[in-house]
Amino acid sequence: MVTTGLGKVLYCLGIFALSVASLGISIGNATEITLNGPSGKVSEGYFQLQFETTQFETETPGNVVIERAETQSFDSVVAHYAPMGDFQQLTLSGFSNGTYYFRARHAESNTVSNVVKVEVQHYSLVQAFTLFIFGGFIFALLVWVILRAHRQSGEVPRG
């Protein structure tokens, strides 16, 4: 046992140093998550979100869940998306026009990433129908050219 005053002080300093060292290890193992998404408005009907984590031996990307909210403050989470396996990318589709907010959350440490804002603005119906009609016209023109060339190749020159 420690009997001297100096021994007690050294003993207390040793315990304190071990406590600080163990605290430093747990802080060093904290997971940092960065979420990346599309820049600008999305018109195609789908988009991808990618996340990066600082990983250690016991952590896998499967421990990360993507959360969606209607506000940037995430007062209420509307949906959760869990990437399958060890993938760090998620493709989402089926969103109507509007603004959506996403963040990644590590399931074990409860660490959250930055917030990614995704604006969905689908192409207008006028633009879609215009392209459809233009495509139909090009198709009809192609059929007409093929049929005309076929008729001309079947004619026998007279003379």
Foldseek 3Di string as FASTA:
>chain_A
DDDDPVSVVVVVVVVVVVVVVVVVVVVVQDKAKAKDWDPDADAPFKTKIFMDIDDDPVDALQQKKKWKDQDQVCPDTDDIHGDPDRGRMDMDGDDDFDKMKMWMARNPNRDIYHIDIYGYDYDDPVVVVVVVVVVVVVVVVVVVVVVVVVVVVPDDDDD
